[in-house]
Amino acid sequence: MSETQTLETAATPATPATRRRPWRATVAILAACALAFSGCGILPQLLAAPGGSNAPAELPAAPDGTVEGYGAQRPNWVDCDNGMQCADVYAPLDWSDPGGERITLRLVKHPATGGEPMGTLFVNPGGPGASGAEYVANGIDGTIAEEVQRAYDVIGWDPRGVGASTPVRCFDAAGMDEFLFGLGDAGDLEPGSDAWIATALDEAEQFGAACKEGTGALLGHVDTASTVRDLDMLRAISGDPALNYLGFSYGTYIGARYADAFPDRVGRLVLDGAMDPSAGLADVVREQTRGFELALRAYTSDCLQRSGCPLSGTVDEAMASIGELLDRVEASPLQGSDGRMLSVGTMLTATITPLYSQSNWGYLDRLWESVAQGDADVALSLADFYYDRVDGRYLSNSTEAFSAINCLDYPSDPDPERMRAEAAELAEIAPTIGRFQGYGDIACAAWPVAGAAERGGVVAAGADPILVVGTTGDPATPYRWAESLAQQLESGVLVTYEGEGHTAYGESECIGRVVDDYLLTGAVPAADPRCS
């Protein structure tokens, strides 16, 4: 294969003539909570310009088509924004056929500030679909401690299918707007009815077909198992004998699967905001729906104690008011100043986004006030922040990559009776938001590439100690998942942050001391410090 024979996405993304998605509201939580806002802290100025990891980098010499050849690549690092260095490297499209087609991966490096580094620290901010390259390019100050920055080269990469790596492509901007914000023609159908499910399955099939047309063969190879192989290749390229890694949210799943696949290559692994590798799709939706309902109650309790809170009464009464507002939007969507419509699905995305961090709760005050007055723009701006949308353009493919990766990683079972029972359970455990959250299996039921047959736990037998960080009030990755992951890993060490929000490193000084000491010395606490 010549150096130019690198896999390209198959076609220009489509603009569907019609894109109706009556089931979008039911999967809003799964989409919103799985994409990491770890390390974001306060939401940046809404719709701010992105960082600079998109500078083209010269590829290294093409590898010889062997696993060893891929690991022997030497990146051509070039200076990019903010003092960072950027590079692209090759990876095989299919790790079972390393001599076949190739894709490229984008890397951004924050060089060690203390001179000669003790090694490389790879970071992944979550998703699936979030850009590790942008995470590093936009600056890691405030999250990764200065001592750690002095000791390590910190590298973020865009996993296969994501961002500036060979991407998943489905729709153009107009198509994404219709897909995410279109109201559809199924308003008279009862959610969960046979006709509603049939319509939703048809629309999910159309979305999958657009992704297949726009992405080509890569669509079948963006699973986490392939990303784990990519990460081990990057470790080999760095020259480190063992992987040092900081993963947030979905990034913990990458790290856990890496440890299980390559336990003898585990260096210092920090898994913050842990996912449970053994949890199926129904378990994920149930626990995250419960988690966001509890986070919304925590916000409501806090709001009622502040002057200027737009809510009133008891916590239960205020939660009921929020539920009534959601019902109003479902019955009568609002039109934004740009012509887009605010559906209940988009309203849920806007509600969930600030719940990732307690420092962002104030945005919810503005949300309730504006929507109650018939103004959709605050809600649409929050959704735009989540979807990485600025002035009608999508700055990343995070939404498309999210779907593509999850549809390979999770088994899907769209049995109508089972989905109806699960929807009823969600409405019971989360009275405010749960009634909108059933039928998540529809999203991948007609995916054009077969997904995993099952999900299993991890062991990582013989690995060095692995630090698992869990936050008791984390809505996106509930604390019980951190407990489960630490128990599954033979060498897992649980560190607890008793607080609110998604992930703890960079938010808690106590957690920071534990994580930094581990990354710098390898030491783990003798007992869980129960930070607060």
Protein backbone atom coordinates (compact mmCIF):
# COMPACT_ATOMS: atom_id res chain seq x y z
CA MET A 1 0.00 0.00 0.00
CA SER A 2 1.37 3.41 -0.91
CA GLU A 3 1.64 6.23 1.59
CA THR A 4 -1.33 7.95 -0.05
CA GLN A 5 -3.63 4.96 0.38
CA THR A 6 -5.11 6.17 3.63
CA LEU A 7 -8.79 5.58 4.25
CA GLU A 8 -10.98 8.57 3.44
CA THR A 9 -14.58 9.00 4.52
CA ALA A 10 -16.78 7.76 1.75
CA ALA A 11 -18.96 10.67 0.72
CA THR A 12 -20.05 14.21 1.38
CA PRO A 13 -22.43 14.22 4.40
CA ALA A 14 -26.06 14.27 3.47
CA THR A 15 -28.75 16.87 3.93
CA PRO A 16 -31.91 14.81 4.40
CA ALA A 17 -35.01 16.14 2.72
CA THR A 18 -36.88 15.18 5.86
CA ARG A 19 -35.43 14.10 9.14
CA ARG A 20 -38.07 13.21 11.69
CA ARG A 21 -37.07 11.94 15.07
CA PRO A 22 -40.02 11.56 17.42
CA TRP A 23 -37.89 9.46 19.78
CA ARG A 24 -35.19 12.11 20.30
CA ALA A 25 -36.57 13.22 23.64
CA THR A 26 -36.41 9.67 24.95
CA VAL A 27 -32.66 9.39 24.43
CA ALA A 28 -31.66 12.92 25.46
CA ILE A 29 -30.20 11.83 28.78
CA LEU A 30 -28.12 9.01 27.33
CA ALA A 31 -26.64 11.37 24.77
CA ALA A 32 -26.11 14.29 27.08
CA CYS A 33 -24.75 12.50 30.08
CA ALA A 34 -22.31 10.27 28.30
CA LEU A 35 -20.46 13.07 26.61
CA ALA A 36 -17.94 14.30 29.15
CA PHE A 37 -17.79 17.79 30.50
CA SER A 38 -15.06 16.60 32.81
CA GLY A 39 -12.55 19.31 33.50
CA CYS A 40 -14.86 22.03 32.16
CA GLY A 41 -15.59 23.64 35.52
CA ILE A 42 -17.59 26.77 34.81
CA LEU A 43 -19.07 26.68 31.34
CA PRO A 44 -16.92 28.84 29.11
CA GLN A 45 -18.52 31.81 27.47
CA LEU A 46 -21.28 30.19 25.49
CA LEU A 47 -20.27 29.39 21.95
CA ALA A 48 -16.69 30.59 22.35
CA ALA A 49 -14.20 29.87 19.59
CA PRO A 50 -12.48 26.47 19.73
CA GLY A 51 -8.85 25.80 20.43
CA GLY A 52 -6.20 25.06 17.86
CA SER A 53 -5.54 21.37 17.30
CA ASN A 54 -6.61 21.50 13.65
CA ALA A 55 -3.28 22.59 12.20
CA PRO A 56 -2.32 19.97 9.60
CA ALA A 57 0.63 17.83 10.56
CA GLU A 58 2.96 15.95 8.21
CA LEU A 59 2.47 12.24 8.55
CA PRO A 60 5.43 10.02 9.38
CA ALA A 61 6.71 7.43 6.96
CA ALA A 62 4.03 4.85 6.29
CA PRO A 63 4.38 1.81 8.58
CA ASP A 64 5.16 -1.57 7.07
CA GLY A 65 1.74 -3.05 7.77
CA THR A 66 2.69 -4.95 10.92
CA VAL A 67 1.66 -4.26 14.51
CA GLU A 68 5.31 -3.63 15.34
CA GLY A 69 5.64 -1.26 12.40
CA TYR A 70 2.76 0.88 13.59
CA GLY A 71 4.30 1.08 17.05
CA ALA A 72 7.64 2.16 15.60
CA GLN A 73 6.30 5.34 13.94
CA ARG A 74 8.04 8.59 14.77
CA PRO A 75 5.59 11.50 14.81
CA ASN A 76 6.55 14.71 13.04
CA TRP A 77 5.69 17.14 15.83
CA VAL A 78 4.96 20.70 14.70
CA ASP A 79 4.24 23.77 16.79
CA CYS A 80 0.56 24.64 17.09
CA ASP A 81 -1.43 27.06 19.24
CA ASN A 82 -0.74 27.85 22.90
CA GLY A 83 2.75 26.36 22.93
CA MET A 84 1.49 22.89 22.08
CA GLN A 85 2.83 20.44 19.52
CA CYS A 86 0.65 18.60 17.01
CA ALA A 87 1.16 15.43 15.01
CA ASP A 88 -0.75 12.86 13.00
CA VAL A 89 0.07 9.15 12.97
CA TYR A 90 -1.30 6.15 11.14
CA ALA A 91 -3.37 3.33 12.59
CA PRO A 92 -4.79 0.31 10.79
CA LEU A 93 -8.46 0.51 9.92
CA ASP A 94 -8.85 -3.05 11.19
CA TRP A 95 -6.41 -4.32 13.80
CA SER A 96 -7.05 -7.89 12.65
CA ASP A 97 -5.67 -6.85 9.24
CA PRO A 98 -2.81 -4.41 9.94
CA GLY A 99 -1.62 -4.73 6.35
CA GLY A 100 -4.89 -3.35 5.02
CA GLU A 101 -6.30 0.15 4.85
CA ARG A 102 -5.09 2.88 7.17
CA ILE A 103 -6.65 5.74 9.09
CA THR A 104 -4.99 8.68 10.85
CA LEU A 105 -5.08 9.84 14.46
CA ARG A 106 -4.53 13.42 15.64
CA LEU A 107 -2.28 14.01 18.68
CA VAL A 108 -1.63 17.20 20.66
CA LYS A 109 1.25 17.32 23.14
CA HIS A 110 1.81 19.65 26.08
CA PRO A 111 5.58 19.21 26.53
CA ALA A 112 6.81 18.66 30.07
CA THR A 113 7.62 22.02 31.63
CA GLY A 114 10.32 20.66 33.90
CA GLY A 115 12.82 19.59 31.28
CA GLU A 116 13.42 15.88 30.82
CA PRO A 117 10.05 14.13 31.32
CA MET A 118 9.64 10.99 33.37
CA GLY A 119 7.29 9.72 30.67
CA THR A 120 4.10 10.47 28.79
CA LEU A 121 0.68 10.93 30.37
CA PHE A 122 -2.11 10.18 27.90
CA VAL A 123 -5.46 11.83 28.62
CA ASN A 124 -8.99 11.27 27.37
CA PRO A 125 -11.83 13.61 28.43
CA GLY A 126 -14.70 11.23 27.72
CA GLY A 127 -17.57 10.92 25.34
CA PRO A 128 -17.56 8.83 23.42
CA GLY A 129 -16.95 11.50 20.85
CA ALA A 130 -15.03 14.13 22.83
CA SER A 131 -11.74 15.40 21.40
CA GLY A 132 -8.67 14.65 23.48
CA ALA A 133 -6.61 16.80 21.14
CA GLU A 134 -8.82 19.84 21.79
CA TYR A 135 -8.82 19.06 25.50
CA VAL A 136 -5.05 19.49 25.63
CA ALA A 137 -4.92 22.26 23.02
CA ASN A 138 -7.36 24.40 24.99
CA GLY A 139 -5.11 24.21 28.03
CA ILE A 140 -4.87 21.80 30.95
CA ASP A 141 -4.11 24.39 33.62
CA GLY A 142 -6.65 24.18 36.41
CA THR A 143 -7.16 20.47 35.90
CA ILE A 144 -3.77 18.80 35.71
CA ALA A 145 -1.47 20.01 38.48
CA GLU A 146 1.66 22.01 37.67
CA GLU A 147 3.84 19.34 39.31
CA VAL A 148 2.38 16.72 36.96
CA GLN A 149 2.87 19.03 33.97
CA ARG A 150 6.52 19.42 34.92
CA ALA A 151 7.00 15.67 35.15
CA TYR A 152 5.13 14.41 32.07
CA ASP A 153 4.61 15.12 28.43
CA VAL A 154 0.81 15.27 28.37
CA ILE A 155 -0.75 13.96 25.16
CA GLY A 156 -4.38 14.05 24.14
CA TRP A 157 -5.57 12.31 21.00
CA ASP A 158 -8.76 12.16 18.99
CA PRO A 159 -9.89 8.54 19.05
CA ARG A 160 -10.70 6.91 15.74
CA GLY A 161 -13.85 8.39 14.27
CA VAL A 162 -13.53 11.60 16.30
CA GLY A 163 -12.60 15.15 15.38
CA ALA A 164 -9.34 15.64 13.49
CA SER A 165 -8.66 11.90 13.30
CA THR A 166 -10.32 10.07 10.40
CA PRO A 167 -13.91 10.98 11.33
CA VAL A 168 -17.37 9.55 11.36
CA ARG A 169 -19.47 11.70 9.04
CA CYS A 170 -23.25 11.58 8.70
CA PHE A 171 -24.96 14.90 7.97
CA ASP A 172 -23.95 18.37 6.90
CA ALA A 173 -24.88 21.29 9.18
CA ALA A 174 -28.39 21.64 7.78
CA GLY A 175 -28.95 17.93 8.19
CA MET A 176 -27.71 17.99 11.78
CA ASP A 177 -30.02 20.89 12.57
CA GLU A 178 -32.98 18.95 11.23
CA PHE A 179 -31.86 15.78 13.01
CA LEU A 180 -31.36 17.47 16.39
CA PHE A 181 -33.94 20.24 16.34
CA GLY A 182 -36.62 19.16 13.86
CA LEU A 183 -40.03 18.52 15.45
CA GLY A 184 -41.16 15.79 13.06
CA ASP A 185 -44.57 14.74 11.79
CA ALA A 186 -45.41 12.25 14.55
CA GLY A 187 -46.92 14.64 17.09
CA ASP A 188 -50.22 12.76 17.14
CA LEU A 189 -48.62 9.37 17.78
CA GLU A 190 -48.64 8.04 21.32
CA PRO A 191 -45.04 7.51 22.54
CA GLY A 192 -44.45 3.79 22.90
CA SER A 193 -47.26 2.77 20.56
CA ASP A 194 -46.57 0.35 17.73
CA ALA A 195 -46.85 3.16 15.18
CA TRP A 196 -44.54 5.42 17.18
CA ILE A 197 -41.91 2.67 17.53
CA ALA A 198 -42.13 1.82 13.83
CA THR A 199 -41.63 5.48 12.90
CA ALA A 200 -38.71 5.81 15.27
CA LEU A 201 -37.04 2.66 13.96
CA ASP A 202 -37.40 3.92 10.40
CA GLU A 203 -35.79 7.23 11.28
CA ALA A 204 -32.97 5.54 13.19
CA GLU A 205 -32.33 3.42 10.11
CA GLN A 206 -32.13 6.57 7.96
CA PHE A 207 -29.59 8.09 10.33
CA GLY A 208 -27.47 4.94 10.28
CA ALA A 209 -27.62 4.82 6.49
CA ALA A 210 -26.39 8.42 6.27
CA CYS A 211 -23.50 7.58 8.59
CA LYS A 212 -22.61 4.53 6.53
CA GLU A 213 -22.66 6.56 3.31
CA GLY A 214 -20.59 9.38 4.79
CA THR A 215 -18.11 7.25 6.72
CA GLY A 216 -17.60 4.06 4.76
CA ALA A 217 -15.76 1.07 6.20
CA LEU A 218 -14.54 2.99 9.25
CA LEU A 219 -18.07 2.86 10.69
CA GLY A 220 -17.51 -0.78 11.58
CA HIS A 221 -14.21 -0.11 13.37
CA VAL A 222 -14.81 2.73 15.84
CA ASP A 223 -15.50 0.42 18.77
CA THR A 224 -13.65 0.88 22.05
CA ALA A 225 -11.72 -2.36 21.58
CA SER A 226 -10.11 -0.85 18.47
CA THR A 227 -9.37 2.38 20.36
CA VAL A 228 -7.65 0.34 23.06
CA ARG A 229 -5.36 -1.13 20.40
CA ASP A 230 -4.71 2.40 19.11
CA LEU A 231 -3.80 3.54 22.62
CA ASP A 232 -1.30 0.72 23.04
CA MET A 233 0.21 1.71 19.70
CA LEU A 234 0.52 5.31 20.94
CA ARG A 235 2.19 4.05 24.11
CA ALA A 236 4.72 2.18 22.00
CA ILE A 237 5.31 5.25 19.83
CA SER A 238 5.99 7.30 22.97
CA GLY A 239 8.68 4.83 24.00
CA ASP A 240 7.14 4.13 27.40
CA PRO A 241 7.15 0.48 28.50
CA ALA A 242 3.91 1.01 30.44
CA LEU A 243 0.90 3.28 29.94
CA ASN A 244 0.38 6.30 32.16
CA TYR A 245 -3.17 7.50 31.66
CA LEU A 246 -5.78 9.93 32.96
CA GLY A 247 -9.30 9.15 31.77
CA PHE A 248 -12.54 10.93 32.59
CA SER A 249 -16.05 9.53 32.18
CA TYR A 250 -16.09 7.36 29.01
CA GLY A 251 -12.31 7.69 29.14
CA THR A 252 -12.43 5.42 32.20
CA TYR A 253 -13.97 2.74 30.01
CA ILE A 254 -11.07 3.01 27.58
CA GLY A 255 -8.63 2.79 30.49
CA ALA A 256 -10.37 -0.16 32.12
CA ARG A 257 -10.50 -2.10 28.86
CA TYR A 258 -6.84 -1.28 28.24
CA ALA A 259 -5.88 -2.60 31.67
CA ASP A 260 -7.84 -5.78 31.08
CA ALA A 261 -6.27 -6.33 27.64
CA PHE A 262 -2.70 -5.38 28.61
CA PRO A 263 -2.34 -5.77 32.40
CA ASP A 264 1.44 -6.11 32.15
CA ARG A 265 1.63 -2.70 30.43
CA VAL A 266 -0.28 -0.77 33.10
CA GLY A 267 1.72 2.08 34.57
CA ARG A 268 -0.23 4.71 36.49
CA LEU A 269 -3.88 4.75 35.51
CA VAL A 270 -6.37 7.26 36.94
CA LEU A 271 -10.02 6.59 36.11
CA ASP A 272 -12.20 9.52 37.25
CA GLY A 273 -15.97 9.46 36.83
CA ALA A 274 -15.94 5.73 36.33
CA MET A 275 -18.18 3.78 34.02
CA ASP A 276 -19.10 0.21 34.87
CA PRO A 277 -17.82 -1.98 32.01
CA SER A 278 -20.35 -4.69 32.85
CA ALA A 279 -23.41 -2.40 32.64
CA GLY A 280 -25.74 -2.85 29.69
CA LEU A 281 -27.65 -0.09 27.93
CA ALA A 282 -30.76 -0.43 30.09
CA ASP A 283 -28.62 -0.26 33.24
CA VAL A 284 -26.84 2.85 31.97
CA VAL A 285 -30.05 4.69 31.11
CA ARG A 286 -31.68 3.71 34.42
CA GLU A 287 -28.78 4.82 36.61
CA GLN A 288 -28.10 8.02 34.69
CA THR A 289 -31.77 8.99 34.66
CA ARG A 290 -31.88 8.44 38.41
CA GLY A 291 -28.63 10.38 38.79
CA PHE A 292 -29.82 13.43 36.88
CA GLU A 293 -33.14 13.46 38.72
CA LEU A 294 -31.22 13.52 42.02
CA ALA A 295 -28.87 16.21 40.71
CA LEU A 296 -31.86 18.30 39.67
CA ARG A 297 -33.28 17.93 43.18
CA ALA A 298 -29.93 19.00 44.66
CA TYR A 299 -29.94 22.06 42.41
CA THR A 300 -33.55 22.82 43.37
CA SER A 301 -32.78 22.61 47.09
CA ASP A 302 -29.84 24.97 46.62
CA CYS A 303 -31.85 27.37 44.46
CA LEU A 304 -34.66 27.68 47.00
CA GLN A 305 -32.15 28.86 49.60
CA ARG A 306 -30.86 31.68 47.36
CA SER A 307 -32.34 35.08 46.76
CA GLY A 308 -33.56 35.51 43.22
CA CYS A 309 -34.36 31.84 42.69
CA PRO A 310 -37.05 31.57 39.99
CA LEU A 311 -38.56 28.56 41.78
CA SER A 312 -40.70 28.63 44.92
CA GLY A 313 -42.29 26.39 47.52
CA THR A 314 -40.85 23.12 48.75
CA VAL A 315 -38.36 21.04 46.80
CA ASP A 316 -41.16 18.72 45.69
CA GLU A 317 -43.28 21.67 44.57
CA ALA A 318 -40.37 23.21 42.68
CA MET A 319 -39.60 19.91 40.96
CA ALA A 320 -43.25 19.68 39.98
CA SER A 321 -42.98 23.18 38.48
CA ILE A 322 -40.00 22.07 36.39
CA GLY A 323 -41.98 19.05 35.25
CA GLU A 324 -44.89 21.29 34.26
CA LEU A 325 -42.51 23.47 32.25
CA LEU A 326 -41.27 20.39 30.39
CA ASP A 327 -44.88 19.38 29.73
CA ARG A 328 -45.62 22.83 28.32
CA VAL A 329 -42.68 22.62 25.93
CA GLU A 330 -43.69 19.12 24.86
CA ALA A 331 -47.23 20.29 24.13
CA SER A 332 -46.25 23.61 22.53
CA PRO A 333 -42.62 23.87 21.36
CA LEU A 334 -41.15 27.36 21.33
CA GLN A 335 -39.52 29.06 18.37
CA GLY A 336 -36.10 30.63 18.84
CA SER A 337 -34.96 33.90 17.32
CA ASP A 338 -33.09 31.96 14.61
CA GLY A 339 -36.19 30.01 13.60
CA ARG A 340 -35.25 26.74 15.28
CA MET A 341 -37.82 25.08 17.49
CA LEU A 342 -37.32 24.13 21.13
CA SER A 343 -38.69 20.61 21.61
CA VAL A 344 -38.83 18.75 24.90
CA GLY A 345 -35.77 16.75 23.81
CA THR A 346 -33.72 19.90 23.34
CA MET A 347 -35.13 21.29 26.60
CA LEU A 348 -33.86 18.18 28.39
CA THR A 349 -30.41 18.60 26.85
CA ALA A 350 -30.41 22.22 28.05
CA THR A 351 -31.45 21.08 31.53
CA ILE A 352 -28.88 18.34 31.83
CA THR A 353 -25.86 20.27 30.56
CA PRO A 354 -25.40 22.58 33.61
CA LEU A 355 -25.89 19.68 36.02
CA TYR A 356 -22.43 18.34 35.23
CA SER A 357 -20.88 20.87 37.61
CA GLN A 358 -22.35 22.67 40.60
CA SER A 359 -20.60 25.83 39.44
CA ASN A 360 -22.89 25.84 36.40
CA TRP A 361 -26.21 25.58 38.24
CA GLY A 362 -26.89 29.29 37.80
CA TYR A 363 -27.57 28.69 34.11
CA LEU A 364 -30.67 26.75 35.14
CA ASP A 365 -32.08 29.85 36.84
CA ARG A 366 -31.89 31.66 33.50
CA LEU A 367 -33.32 28.64 31.68
CA TRP A 368 -36.52 28.44 33.74
CA GLU A 369 -37.06 32.21 33.63
CA SER A 370 -36.65 32.49 29.88
CA VAL A 371 -38.71 29.45 28.91
CA ALA A 372 -41.50 30.45 31.30
CA GLN A 373 -41.63 33.76 29.40
CA GLY A 374 -41.81 31.97 26.04
CA ASP A 375 -38.17 32.65 25.12
CA ALA A 376 -36.33 29.65 23.65
CA ASP A 377 -32.93 31.26 23.12
CA VAL A 378 -31.24 30.40 26.45
CA ALA A 379 -32.28 26.77 26.06
CA LEU A 380 -31.05 26.65 22.48
CA SER A 381 -27.74 28.25 23.49
CA LEU A 382 -27.19 25.61 26.17
CA ALA A 383 -27.99 22.88 23.65
CA ASP A 384 -25.62 24.52 21.16
CA PHE A 385 -22.86 24.42 23.78
CA TYR A 386 -23.47 20.72 24.28
CA TYR A 387 -23.60 19.99 20.54
CA ASP A 388 -20.56 22.21 19.82
CA ARG A 389 -22.62 24.37 17.47
CA VAL A 390 -21.65 27.98 16.69
CA ASP A 391 -23.48 30.25 14.24
CA GLY A 392 -25.09 27.33 12.47
CA ARG A 393 -21.83 25.38 12.18
CA TYR A 394 -20.87 22.24 14.08
CA LEU A 395 -17.28 22.55 15.26
CA SER A 396 -16.96 18.83 15.95
CA ASN A 397 -18.58 15.55 15.02
CA SER A 398 -19.10 14.57 18.66
CA THR A 399 -22.80 13.70 18.27
CA GLU A 400 -22.22 11.47 15.26
CA ALA A 401 -19.18 9.78 16.81
CA PHE A 402 -21.11 9.24 20.03
CA SER A 403 -23.79 7.28 18.21
CA ALA A 404 -21.36 5.31 16.06
CA ILE A 405 -19.16 4.21 18.96
CA ASN A 406 -22.01 3.33 21.31
CA CYS A 407 -23.84 1.36 18.64
CA LEU A 408 -20.79 -0.91 18.34
CA ASP A 409 -20.10 -1.10 22.08
CA TYR A 410 -23.62 -1.87 23.37
CA PRO A 411 -25.89 -4.76 22.43
CA SER A 412 -29.31 -3.49 21.32
CA ASP A 413 -32.66 -5.18 21.92
CA PRO A 414 -35.62 -3.16 20.61
CA ASP A 415 -38.29 -5.57 21.88
CA PRO A 416 -41.39 -3.33 22.25
CA GLU A 417 -42.74 -4.91 25.42
CA ARG A 418 -39.38 -4.79 27.17
CA MET A 419 -38.86 -1.16 26.15
CA ARG A 420 -42.34 -0.22 27.38
CA ALA A 421 -41.65 -1.83 30.75
CA GLU A 422 -38.34 0.00 31.03
CA ALA A 423 -40.00 3.30 30.11
CA ALA A 424 -42.56 2.81 32.87
CA GLU A 425 -39.77 2.09 35.35
CA LEU A 426 -37.91 5.27 34.36
CA ALA A 427 -41.04 7.36 34.84
CA GLU A 428 -41.41 5.91 38.32
CA ILE A 429 -37.83 6.36 39.53
CA ALA A 430 -37.45 9.86 38.04
CA PRO A 431 -40.87 11.57 38.02
CA THR A 432 -39.61 14.85 36.54
CA ILE A 433 -37.47 13.70 33.62
CA GLY A 434 -37.82 9.91 33.52
CA ARG A 435 -41.03 9.84 31.52
CA PHE A 436 -39.11 11.15 28.51
CA GLN A 437 -36.23 8.67 28.73
CA GLY A 438 -37.40 5.28 27.51
CA TYR A 439 -36.81 3.47 24.22
CA GLY A 440 -33.06 4.09 24.01
CA ASP A 441 -32.51 0.77 22.21
CA ILE A 442 -34.17 2.25 19.13
CA ALA A 443 -31.12 4.40 18.40
CA CYS A 444 -28.94 1.41 17.47
CA ALA A 445 -31.56 -1.17 16.53
CA ALA A 446 -31.17 -0.58 12.79
CA TRP A 447 -27.49 0.40 12.81
CA PRO A 448 -25.86 -0.73 9.55
CA VAL A 449 -22.96 -2.42 11.37
CA ALA A 450 -23.44 -5.17 13.94
CA GLY A 451 -22.58 -4.20 17.50
CA ALA A 452 -21.28 -6.19 20.45
CA ALA A 453 -23.11 -9.35 21.40
CA GLU A 454 -22.57 -8.69 25.10
CA ARG A 455 -20.68 -6.55 27.60
CA GLY A 456 -18.57 -8.02 30.34
CA GLY A 457 -16.58 -6.92 33.34
CA VAL A 458 -12.83 -6.43 33.67
CA VAL A 459 -10.13 -7.94 35.87
CA ALA A 460 -6.69 -6.74 34.73
CA ALA A 461 -5.02 -9.62 36.53
CA GLY A 462 -1.54 -8.79 37.77
CA ALA A 463 -1.72 -5.08 36.92
CA ASP A 464 -0.11 -2.46 39.14
CA PRO A 465 -2.51 -0.44 41.33
CA ILE A 466 -5.17 1.48 39.39
CA LEU A 467 -6.80 4.56 40.95
CA VAL A 468 -10.60 4.74 40.55
CA VAL A 469 -12.20 8.06 41.54
CA GLY A 470 -15.93 8.33 42.22
CA THR A 471 -18.13 11.27 43.22
CA THR A 472 -21.13 10.51 45.42
CA GLY A 473 -23.34 13.07 43.66
CA ASP A 474 -22.16 12.42 40.10
CA PRO A 475 -25.25 12.33 37.86
CA ALA A 476 -23.55 11.11 34.67
CA THR A 477 -21.41 8.31 36.09
CA PRO A 478 -23.10 7.35 39.38
CA TYR A 479 -20.90 6.55 42.35
CA ARG A 480 -21.95 2.91 42.42
CA TRP A 481 -20.19 2.47 39.06
CA ALA A 482 -16.91 3.56 40.62
CA GLU A 483 -17.47 1.09 43.43
CA SER A 484 -18.20 -1.65 40.91
CA LEU A 485 -15.17 -0.89 38.73
CA ALA A 486 -12.81 -0.78 41.71
CA GLN A 487 -14.16 -4.17 42.81
CA GLN A 488 -13.84 -5.69 39.34
CA LEU A 489 -10.22 -4.61 38.90
CA GLU A 490 -7.88 -6.93 40.76
CA SER A 491 -5.71 -3.95 41.73
CA GLY A 492 -8.41 -1.26 41.81
CA VAL A 493 -8.13 1.38 44.55
CA LEU A 494 -11.29 3.43 45.20
CA VAL A 495 -10.99 7.11 46.12
CA THR A 496 -14.25 8.86 47.00
CA TYR A 497 -15.23 12.51 46.65
CA GLU A 498 -18.31 13.31 48.71
CA GLY A 499 -19.82 16.08 46.61
CA GLU A 500 -21.79 17.05 43.53
CA GLY A 501 -20.85 17.12 39.86
CA HIS A 502 -19.25 14.96 37.22
CA THR A 503 -15.64 13.96 38.00
CA ALA A 504 -13.49 15.28 40.84
CA TYR A 505 -9.88 15.80 39.73
CA GLY A 506 -9.42 19.51 39.24
CA GLU A 507 -12.45 20.22 41.45
CA SER A 508 -11.31 18.88 44.85
CA GLU A 509 -7.96 19.73 46.43
CA CYS A 510 -8.09 16.52 48.46
CA ILE A 511 -8.65 14.40 45.36
CA GLY A 512 -5.94 16.39 43.61
CA ARG A 513 -3.37 15.53 46.27
CA VAL A 514 -4.17 11.81 46.03
CA VAL A 515 -4.10 11.74 42.23
CA ASP A 516 -0.95 13.86 41.93
CA ASP A 517 0.93 11.77 44.48
CA TYR A 518 -0.04 8.63 42.60
CA LEU A 519 0.98 10.01 39.20
CA LEU A 520 4.31 11.29 40.55
CA THR A 521 5.30 8.45 42.88
CA GLY A 522 2.94 5.53 42.26
CA ALA A 523 1.72 5.65 45.87
CA VAL A 524 -1.93 4.86 46.60
CA PRO A 525 -3.77 5.59 49.86
CA ALA A 526 -3.92 2.78 52.41
CA ALA A 527 -7.61 3.56 52.90
CA ASP A 528 -10.21 5.58 51.02
CA PRO A 529 -9.71 9.20 52.19
CA ARG A 530 -13.40 10.06 51.60
CA CYS A 531 -12.59 13.56 50.39
CA SER A 532 -15.19 16.31 50.76
